[in-house]
């Protein structure tokens, strides 16, 4: 039986569901011991990654060691190899902190870590990304990973993220983008979870970004670079790390801005 979307979301967020997921991954880690793939987030090596999802079920998706998905592994590699986040003292804002990133970022030497979310108990600061309480230009880097598609006024959120980023700083503002759509599809009047899933791809999304996603980010004042990082990794490394072929949206606040 498939649960209705709101009930399924509450189940996935429950302590019982988290415990069940942890047990499933521990069993999978024992069954999949090997050297075929490597998770860049935790360093775990396995014969293959664990399956994830129900309809459709992705067969090679989740790290049995830390739970990282394809998009998490891609972004961690990018942070490690294409940014200086771990190379010098910096102040990082992490919006809606994912567990797979949170502990590692908090433990990183020289990184002053701040997380923010409106509801998550994991966040250090309880606040709305559309109205951040932080002063101007106070962060060297911002990580906002698959959040903006959930936010009612995404343009306000983008402007806020630029405001708190220092000139010369960078933000990684990842969202699912359908390039076949010339423009973003959104309708604030749509509230039914099933209709949202049909129109926007997920029951708790309020829009489906199209090819204009970069233009929205530029309107907020960012210099935007759309990078096909998975292509740069090459087929062998992409397969070994099981990464998603997702554009990395590197957003810069120009020096002097």
C-alpha atoms as a PDB file:
ATOM      1  CA  UNK A   1       0.000   0.000   0.000  1.00  0.00           C
ATOM      2  CA  UNK A   2       1.281   3.465  -0.874  1.00  0.00           C
ATOM      3  CA  UNK A   3       0.694   6.076   1.813  1.00  0.00           C
ATOM      4  CA  UNK A   4      -0.749   9.482   0.863  1.00  0.00           C
ATOM      5  CA  UNK A   5       2.044  12.017   0.389  1.00  0.00           C
ATOM      6  CA  UNK A   6       1.586  13.969   3.670  1.00  0.00           C
ATOM      7  CA  UNK A   7       1.454  10.761   5.731  1.00  0.00           C
ATOM      8  CA  UNK A   8       4.455   9.343   3.897  1.00  0.00           C
ATOM      9  CA  UNK A   9       6.421  12.520   4.639  1.00  0.00           C
ATOM     10  CA  UNK A  10       5.556  12.347   8.354  1.00  0.00           C
ATOM     11  CA  UNK A  11       6.534   8.664   8.432  1.00  0.00           C
ATOM     12  CA  UNK A  12       9.900   9.348   6.784  1.00  0.00           C
ATOM     13  CA  UNK A  13      10.619  12.064   9.336  1.00  0.00           C
ATOM     14  CA  UNK A  14       9.678   9.963  12.379  1.00  0.00           C
ATOM     15  CA  UNK A  15      12.158   8.456  14.837  1.00  0.00           C
ATOM     16  CA  UNK A  16      10.860   4.974  14.010  1.00  0.00           C
ATOM     17  CA  UNK A  17      11.468   5.513  10.298  1.00  0.00           C
ATOM     18  CA  UNK A  18      14.982   6.854  10.932  1.00  0.00           C
ATOM     19  CA  UNK A  19      15.810   3.829  13.082  1.00  0.00           C
ATOM     20  CA  UNK A  20      14.430   1.460  10.437  1.00  0.00           C
ATOM     21  CA  UNK A  21      16.448   3.200   7.732  1.00  0.00           C
ATOM     22  CA  UNK A  22      19.616   2.978   9.806  1.00  0.00           C
ATOM     23  CA  UNK A  23      19.077  -0.741  10.363  1.00  0.00           C
ATOM     24  CA  UNK A  24      18.463  -1.297   6.650  1.00  0.00           C
ATOM     25  CA  UNK A  25      21.698   0.458   5.730  1.00  0.00           C
ATOM     26  CA  UNK A  26      23.719  -1.469   8.316  1.00  0.00           C
ATOM     27  CA  UNK A  27      22.461  -4.748   6.868  1.00  0.00           C
ATOM     28  CA  UNK A  28      23.170  -3.553   3.343  1.00  0.00           C
ATOM     29  CA  UNK A  29      26.692  -2.466   4.317  1.00  0.00           C
ATOM     30  CA  UNK A  30      27.463  -6.021   5.463  1.00  0.00           C
ATOM     31  CA  UNK A  31      25.898  -7.614   2.392  1.00  0.00           C
ATOM     32  CA  UNK A  32      27.565  -5.201  -0.057  1.00  0.00           C
ATOM     33  CA  UNK A  33      31.089  -5.276   1.372  1.00  0.00           C
ATOM     34  CA  UNK A  34      33.591  -4.886  -1.462  1.00  0.00           C
ATOM     35  CA  UNK A  35      35.606  -2.451  -3.552  1.00  0.00           C
ATOM     36  CA  UNK A  36      33.369  -1.622  -6.516  1.00  0.00           C
ATOM     37  CA  UNK A  37      32.263   1.858  -5.398  1.00  0.00           C
ATOM     38  CA  UNK A  38      33.497   4.505  -2.978  1.00  0.00           C
ATOM     39  CA  UNK A  39      31.525   7.201  -1.174  1.00  0.00           C
ATOM     40  CA  UNK A  40      33.451  10.504  -1.139  1.00  0.00           C
ATOM     41  CA  UNK A  41      31.434  11.720   1.866  1.00  0.00           C
ATOM     42  CA  UNK A  42      32.387   8.991   4.355  1.00  0.00           C
ATOM     43  CA  UNK A  43      35.105   7.087   2.478  1.00  0.00           C
ATOM     44  CA  UNK A  44      33.140   3.829   2.642  1.00  0.00           C
ATOM     45  CA  UNK A  45      33.806   1.204  -0.002  1.00  0.00           C
ATOM     46  CA  UNK A  46      31.213  -1.306  -1.134  1.00  0.00           C
ATOM     47  CA  UNK A  47      30.442  -3.687  -3.932  1.00  0.00           C
ATOM     48  CA  UNK A  48      27.628  -1.328  -4.925  1.00  0.00           C
ATOM     49  CA  UNK A  49      25.443   1.370  -3.424  1.00  0.00           C
ATOM     50  CA  UNK A  50      22.078   0.522  -1.870  1.00  0.00           C
ATOM     51  CA  UNK A  51      18.759   0.912  -3.685  1.00  0.00           C
ATOM     52  CA  UNK A  52      16.459   3.746  -2.668  1.00  0.00           C
ATOM     53  CA  UNK A  53      12.877   4.794  -3.234  1.00  0.00           C
ATOM     54  CA  UNK A  54       9.677   3.021  -4.134  1.00  0.00           C
ATOM     55  CA  UNK A  55       8.252   4.273  -7.432  1.00  0.00           C
ATOM     56  CA  UNK A  56      10.592   4.309  -9.271  1.00  0.00           C
ATOM     57  CA  UNK A  57      13.212   2.490  -7.193  1.00  0.00           C
ATOM     58  CA  UNK A  58      16.747   3.613  -7.932  1.00  0.00           C
ATOM     59  CA  UNK A  59      19.016   0.541  -7.787  1.00  0.00           C
ATOM     60  CA  UNK A  60      22.389   2.235  -7.194  1.00  0.00           C
ATOM     61  CA  UNK A  61      21.617   5.291  -5.092  1.00  0.00           C
ATOM     62  CA  UNK A  62      22.385   5.410  -1.362  1.00  0.00           C
ATOM     63  CA  UNK A  63      25.672   4.963   0.505  1.00  0.00           C
ATOM     64  CA  UNK A  64      25.237   2.181   3.092  1.00  0.00           C
ATOM     65  CA  UNK A  65      27.799   3.873   5.314  1.00  0.00           C
ATOM     66  CA  UNK A  66      26.453   7.419   5.690  1.00  0.00           C
ATOM     67  CA  UNK A  67      23.214   7.550   3.685  1.00  0.00           C
ATOM     68  CA  UNK A  68      24.547   9.965   1.059  1.00  0.00           C
ATOM     69  CA  UNK A  69      22.583  10.019  -2.195  1.00  0.00           C
ATOM     70  CA  UNK A  70      23.925  10.641  -5.708  1.00  0.00           C
ATOM     71  CA  UNK A  71      23.495  14.426  -5.475  1.00  0.00           C
ATOM     72  CA  UNK A  72      25.172  14.568  -2.058  1.00  0.00           C
ATOM     73  CA  UNK A  73      28.225  12.697  -3.347  1.00  0.00           C
ATOM     74  CA  UNK A  74      28.482  15.003  -6.357  1.00  0.00           C
ATOM     75  CA  UNK A  75      28.295  18.144  -4.235  1.00  0.00           C
ATOM     76  CA  UNK A  76      30.817  16.889  -1.660  1.00  0.00           C
ATOM     77  CA  UNK A  77      33.318  16.128  -4.418  1.00  0.00           C
ATOM     78  CA  UNK A  78      32.751  19.606  -5.832  1.00  0.00           C
ATOM     79  CA  UNK A  79      33.279  21.254  -2.439  1.00  0.00           C
ATOM     80  CA  UNK A  80      36.465  19.269  -1.944  1.00  0.00           C
ATOM     81  CA  UNK A  81      37.958  19.664  -5.418  1.00  0.00           C
ATOM     82  CA  UNK A  82      36.642  22.952  -6.832  1.00  0.00           C
ATOM     83  CA  UNK A  83      36.412  25.248  -3.801  1.00  0.00           C
ATOM     84  CA  UNK A  84      38.740  26.392  -1.032  1.00  0.00           C
ATOM     85  CA  UNK A  85      36.148  25.742   1.673  1.00  0.00           C
ATOM     86  CA  UNK A  86      38.418  23.376   3.618  1.00  0.00           C
ATOM     87  CA  UNK A  87      41.700  25.143   2.858  1.00  0.00           C
ATOM     88  CA  UNK A  88      41.447  28.319   4.946  1.00  0.00           C
ATOM     89  CA  UNK A  89      39.375  29.843   7.758  1.00  0.00           C
ATOM     90  CA  UNK A  90      35.877  30.619   6.503  1.00  0.00           C
ATOM     91  CA  UNK A  91      32.380  31.230   7.800  1.00  0.00           C
ATOM     92  CA  UNK A  92      29.746  28.948   6.211  1.00  0.00           C
ATOM     93  CA  UNK A  93      25.955  29.235   6.203  1.00  0.00           C
ATOM     94  CA  UNK A  94      24.216  25.883   5.644  1.00  0.00           C
ATOM     95  CA  UNK A  95      20.501  26.185   4.842  1.00  0.00           C
ATOM     96  CA  UNK A  96      18.253  23.246   5.843  1.00  0.00           C
ATOM     97  CA  UNK A  97      21.191  21.104   7.023  1.00  0.00           C
ATOM     98  CA  UNK A  98      21.295  17.526   5.748  1.00  0.00           C
ATOM     99  CA  UNK A  99      22.717  15.023   8.271  1.00  0.00           C
ATOM    100  CA  UNK A 100      25.150  13.633   5.696  1.00  0.00           C
ATOM    101  CA  UNK A 101      26.839  17.050   5.437  1.00  0.00           C
ATOM    102  CA  UNK A 102      26.201  18.581   8.841  1.00  0.00           C
ATOM    103  CA  UNK A 103      28.549  16.566  11.085  1.00  0.00           C
ATOM    104  CA  UNK A 104      31.393  16.697   8.574  1.00  0.00           C
ATOM    105  CA  UNK A 105      31.094  20.434   8.047  1.00  0.00           C
ATOM    106  CA  UNK A 106      30.843  21.168  11.766  1.00  0.00           C
ATOM    107  CA  UNK A 107      33.999  19.116  12.360  1.00  0.00           C
ATOM    108  CA  UNK A 108      36.014  20.713   9.557  1.00  0.00           C
ATOM    109  CA  UNK A 109      39.073  22.602  10.906  1.00  0.00           C
ATOM    110  CA  UNK A 110      39.038  26.379  10.399  1.00  0.00           C
ATOM    111  CA  UNK A 111      35.352  26.327   9.332  1.00  0.00           C
ATOM    112  CA  UNK A 112      32.946  28.465  11.366  1.00  0.00           C
ATOM    113  CA  UNK A 113      29.700  26.600  10.724  1.00  0.00           C
ATOM    114  CA  UNK A 114      26.202  28.084  11.023  1.00  0.00           C
ATOM    115  CA  UNK A 115      23.048  26.212  10.005  1.00  0.00           C
ATOM    116  CA  UNK A 116      19.584  27.677   9.589  1.00  0.00           C
ATOM    117  CA  UNK A 117      16.120  26.216   9.107  1.00  0.00           C
ATOM    118  CA  UNK A 118      12.560  27.224   9.898  1.00  0.00           C
ATOM    119  CA  UNK A 119      11.585  23.861  11.419  1.00  0.00           C
ATOM    120  CA  UNK A 120      14.492  21.402  11.648  1.00  0.00           C
ATOM    121  CA  UNK A 121      15.690  20.689  15.212  1.00  0.00           C
ATOM    122  CA  UNK A 122      19.179  20.095  13.783  1.00  0.00           C
ATOM    123  CA  UNK A 123      19.601  23.737  12.748  1.00  0.00           C
ATOM    124  CA  UNK A 124      21.626  26.017  15.011  1.00  0.00           C
ATOM    125  CA  UNK A 125      19.446  29.012  14.070  1.00  0.00           C
ATOM    126  CA  UNK A 126      15.663  28.872  13.689  1.00  0.00           C
ATOM    127  CA  UNK A 127      14.802  31.288  10.889  1.00  0.00           C
ATOM    128  CA  UNK A 128      13.136  31.670   7.503  1.00  0.00           C
ATOM    129  CA  UNK A 129      15.496  31.773   4.515  1.00  0.00           C
ATOM    130  CA  UNK A 130      13.261  34.504   3.072  1.00  0.00           C
ATOM    131  CA  UNK A 131      14.104  36.747   6.086  1.00  0.00           C
ATOM    132  CA  UNK A 132      17.471  35.803   7.524  1.00  0.00           C
ATOM    133  CA  UNK A 133      18.474  37.372  10.869  1.00  0.00           C
ATOM    134  CA  UNK A 134      22.160  37.664   9.954  1.00  0.00           C
ATOM    135  CA  UNK A 135      23.894  40.968   9.100  1.00  0.00           C
ATOM    136  CA  UNK A 136      25.024  41.868   5.599  1.00  0.00           C
ATOM    137  CA  UNK A 137      28.109  40.222   4.114  1.00  0.00           C
ATOM    138  CA  UNK A 138      28.820  38.000   7.124  1.00  0.00           C
ATOM    139  CA  UNK A 139      29.451  34.635   5.393  1.00  0.00           C
ATOM    140  CA  UNK A 140      32.262  33.527   3.099  1.00  0.00           C
ATOM    141  CA  UNK A 141      30.216  30.654   1.651  1.00  0.00           C
ATOM    142  CA  UNK A 142      26.598  29.473   1.504  1.00  0.00           C
ATOM    143  CA  UNK A 143      25.305  25.948   0.936  1.00  0.00           C
ATOM    144  CA  UNK A 144      21.619  25.698  -0.001  1.00  0.00           C
ATOM    145  CA  UNK A 145      20.924  22.237  -1.382  1.00  0.00           C
ATOM    146  CA  UNK A 146      17.508  21.418  -2.888  1.00  0.00           C
ATOM    147  CA  UNK A 147      15.689  24.011  -0.774  1.00  0.00           C
ATOM    148  CA  UNK A 148      14.504  26.823  -3.046  1.00  0.00           C
ATOM    149  CA  UNK A 149      11.936  24.651  -4.837  1.00  0.00           C
ATOM    150  CA  UNK A 150      10.137  24.399  -1.452  1.00  0.00           C
ATOM    151  CA  UNK A 151      10.175  28.147  -0.633  1.00  0.00           C
ATOM    152  CA  UNK A 152       7.109  30.292  -1.276  1.00  0.00           C
ATOM    153  CA  UNK A 153       9.058  33.387  -2.396  1.00  0.00           C
ATOM    154  CA  UNK A 154      12.246  31.964  -3.860  1.00  0.00           C
ATOM    155  CA  UNK A 155      13.325  35.326  -5.277  1.00  0.00           C
ATOM    156  CA  UNK A 156      13.273  36.836  -1.773  1.00  0.00           C
ATOM    157  CA  UNK A 157      15.325  33.879  -0.510  1.00  0.00           C
ATOM    158  CA  UNK A 158      17.871  34.314  -3.303  1.00  0.00           C
ATOM    159  CA  UNK A 159      18.233  38.018  -2.476  1.00  0.00           C
ATOM    160  CA  UNK A 160      18.708  37.202   1.205  1.00  0.00           C
ATOM    161  CA  UNK A 161      21.405  34.628   0.459  1.00  0.00           C
ATOM    162  CA  UNK A 162      23.244  37.176  -1.669  1.00  0.00           C
ATOM    163  CA  UNK A 163      22.850  39.826   1.046  1.00  0.00           C
ATOM    164  CA  UNK A 164      24.529  37.740   3.753  1.00  0.00           C
ATOM    165  CA  UNK A 165      27.328  36.593   1.417  1.00  0.00           C
ATOM    166  CA  UNK A 166      30.458  38.715   1.486  1.00  0.00           C
ATOM    167  CA  UNK A 167      31.790  40.233  -1.773  1.00  0.00           C
ATOM    168  CA  UNK A 168      34.092  37.631  -3.286  1.00  0.00           C
ATOM    169  CA  UNK A 169      32.227  34.785  -1.556  1.00  0.00           C
ATOM    170  CA  UNK A 170      30.456  31.870  -3.205  1.00  0.00           C
ATOM    171  CA  UNK A 171      27.126  30.091  -2.817  1.00  0.00           C
ATOM    172  CA  UNK A 172      26.109  26.671  -4.103  1.00  0.00           C
ATOM    173  CA  UNK A 173      22.375  26.950  -4.738  1.00  0.00           C
ATOM    174  CA  UNK A 174      21.291  23.527  -5.954  1.00  0.00           C
ATOM    175  CA  UNK A 175      17.759  22.818  -7.152  1.00  0.00           C
ATOM    176  CA  UNK A 176      16.212  20.268  -9.514  1.00  0.00           C
ATOM    177  CA  UNK A 177      16.037  21.896 -12.956  1.00  0.00           C
ATOM    178  CA  UNK A 178      14.233  20.618 -16.048  1.00  0.00           C
ATOM    179  CA  UNK A 179      16.045  22.250 -18.946  1.00  0.00           C
ATOM    180  CA  UNK A 180      13.374  21.074 -21.382  1.00  0.00           C
ATOM    181  CA  UNK A 181      11.070  23.640 -19.728  1.00  0.00           C
ATOM    182  CA  UNK A 182      11.807  27.103 -21.141  1.00  0.00           C
ATOM    183  CA  UNK A 183      10.400  28.746 -18.005  1.00  0.00           C
ATOM    184  CA  UNK A 184       9.803  27.759 -14.396  1.00  0.00           C
ATOM    185  CA  UNK A 185       6.344  26.298 -13.730  1.00  0.00           C
ATOM    186  CA  UNK A 186       4.711  27.552 -10.529  1.00  0.00           C
ATOM    187  CA  UNK A 187       1.277  28.352  -9.187  1.00  0.00           C
ATOM    188  CA  UNK A 188       0.849  29.390  -5.529  1.00  0.00           C
ATOM    189  CA  UNK A 189      -2.826  28.439  -5.721  1.00  0.00           C
ATOM    190  CA  UNK A 190      -1.901  24.747  -6.088  1.00  0.00           C
ATOM    191  CA  UNK A 191      -1.879  23.237  -2.600  1.00  0.00           C
ATOM    192  CA  UNK A 192      -3.038  19.666  -3.117  1.00  0.00           C
ATOM    193  CA  UNK A 193      -0.033  17.337  -2.618  1.00  0.00           C
ATOM    194  CA  UNK A 194      -0.992  15.054  -5.494  1.00  0.00           C
ATOM    195  CA  UNK A 195      -1.411  17.986  -7.874  1.00  0.00           C
ATOM    196  CA  UNK A 196       1.919  19.425  -6.750  1.00  0.00           C
ATOM    197  CA  UNK A 197       3.548  16.087  -7.405  1.00  0.00           C
ATOM    198  CA  UNK A 198       2.044  16.014 -10.900  1.00  0.00           C
ATOM    199  CA  UNK A 199       3.002  19.596 -11.777  1.00  0.00           C
ATOM    200  CA  UNK A 200       6.230  20.141  -9.834  1.00  0.00           C
ATOM    201  CA  UNK A 201       7.664  16.626  -9.416  1.00  0.00           C
ATOM    202  CA  UNK A 202       7.180  16.247  -5.652  1.00  0.00           C
ATOM    203  CA  UNK A 203       4.299  16.746  -3.232  1.00  0.00           C
ATOM    204  CA  UNK A 204       6.099  19.425  -1.194  1.00  0.00           C
ATOM    205  CA  UNK A 205       7.562  21.391  -4.116  1.00  0.00           C
ATOM    206  CA  UNK A 206       5.929  24.701  -4.997  1.00  0.00           C
ATOM    207  CA  UNK A 207       7.565  24.998  -8.429  1.00  0.00           C
ATOM    208  CA  UNK A 208       9.492  23.132 -11.111  1.00  0.00           C
ATOM    209  CA  UNK A 209      12.475  25.137 -12.255  1.00  0.00           C
ATOM    210  CA  UNK A 210      13.114  25.393 -15.961  1.00  0.00           C
ATOM    211  CA  UNK A 211      15.875  26.786 -18.170  1.00  0.00           C
ATOM    212  CA  UNK A 212      15.398  30.232 -16.580  1.00  0.00           C
ATOM    213  CA  UNK A 213      16.784  29.122 -13.201  1.00  0.00           C
ATOM    214  CA  UNK A 214      20.140  30.782 -13.857  1.00  0.00           C
ATOM    215  CA  UNK A 215      18.377  33.992 -14.890  1.00  0.00           C
ATOM    216  CA  UNK A 216      16.500  34.054 -11.565  1.00  0.00           C
ATOM    217  CA  UNK A 217      19.767  33.761  -9.679  1.00  0.00           C
ATOM    218  CA  UNK A 218      21.291  36.576 -11.747  1.00  0.00           C
ATOM    219  CA  UNK A 219      18.265  38.787 -11.022  1.00  0.00           C
ATOM    220  CA  UNK A 220      19.109  38.393  -7.319  1.00  0.00           C
ATOM    221  CA  UNK A 221      22.556  39.876  -7.987  1.00  0.00           C
ATOM    222  CA  UNK A 222      24.707  36.773  -8.354  1.00  0.00           C
ATOM    223  CA  UNK A 223      27.295  36.070 -10.981  1.00  0.00           C
ATOM    224  CA  UNK A 224      26.273  32.549 -12.030  1.00  0.00           C
ATOM    225  CA  UNK A 225      28.346  29.696 -13.412  1.00  0.00           C
ATOM    226  CA  UNK A 226      26.495  26.525 -14.429  1.00  0.00           C
ATOM    227  CA  UNK A 227      29.102  23.763 -14.205  1.00  0.00           C
ATOM    228  CA  UNK A 228      28.745  20.206 -15.519  1.00  0.00           C
ATOM    229  CA  UNK A 229      31.054  18.828 -12.880  1.00  0.00           C
ATOM    230  CA  UNK A 230      30.064  15.181 -13.363  1.00  0.00           C
ATOM    231  CA  UNK A 231      31.220  15.419 -16.982  1.00  0.00           C
ATOM    232  CA  UNK A 232      34.564  16.785 -15.810  1.00  0.00           C
ATOM    233  CA  UNK A 233      34.984  13.818 -13.461  1.00  0.00           C
ATOM    234  CA  UNK A 234      34.821  11.441 -16.404  1.00  0.00           C
ATOM    235  CA  UNK A 235      32.859   8.190 -16.714  1.00  0.00           C
ATOM    236  CA  UNK A 236      35.174   6.076 -14.536  1.00  0.00           C
ATOM    237  CA  UNK A 237      35.156   8.380 -11.477  1.00  0.00           C
ATOM    238  CA  UNK A 238      31.478   9.193 -11.939  1.00  0.00           C
ATOM    239  CA  UNK A 239      30.639   5.487 -11.846  1.00  0.00           C
ATOM    240  CA  UNK A 240      32.933   4.756  -8.908  1.00  0.00           C
ATOM    241  CA  UNK A 241      31.421   7.515  -6.786  1.00  0.00           C
ATOM    242  CA  UNK A 242      27.866   7.022  -8.105  1.00  0.00           C
ATOM    243  CA  UNK A 243      27.216  10.709  -8.714  1.00  0.00           C
ATOM    244  CA  UNK A 244      24.218  12.399 -10.255  1.00  0.00           C
ATOM    245  CA  UNK A 245      24.669  14.203 -13.565  1.00  0.00           C
ATOM    246  CA  UNK A 246      23.326  17.429 -12.109  1.00  0.00           C
ATOM    247  CA  UNK A 247      24.474  20.939 -12.945  1.00  0.00           C
ATOM    248  CA  UNK A 248      26.360  22.616 -10.105  1.00  0.00           C
ATOM    249  CA  UNK A 249      25.122  26.191  -9.725  1.00  0.00           C
ATOM    250  CA  UNK A 250      28.077  28.221  -8.505  1.00  0.00           C
ATOM    251  CA  UNK A 251      26.831  31.675  -7.515  1.00  0.00           C
ATOM    252  CA  UNK A 252      29.344  34.420  -6.764  1.00  0.00           C
ATOM    253  CA  UNK A 253      28.930  37.816  -5.163  1.00  0.00           C
ATOM    254  CA  UNK A 254      31.373  39.904  -7.187  1.00  0.00           C
ATOM    255  CA  UNK A 255      34.122  41.750  -5.267  1.00  0.00           C
ATOM    256  CA  UNK A 256      33.065  45.319  -4.658  1.00  0.00           C
ATOM    257  CA  UNK A 257      29.374  44.469  -4.980  1.00  0.00           C
END
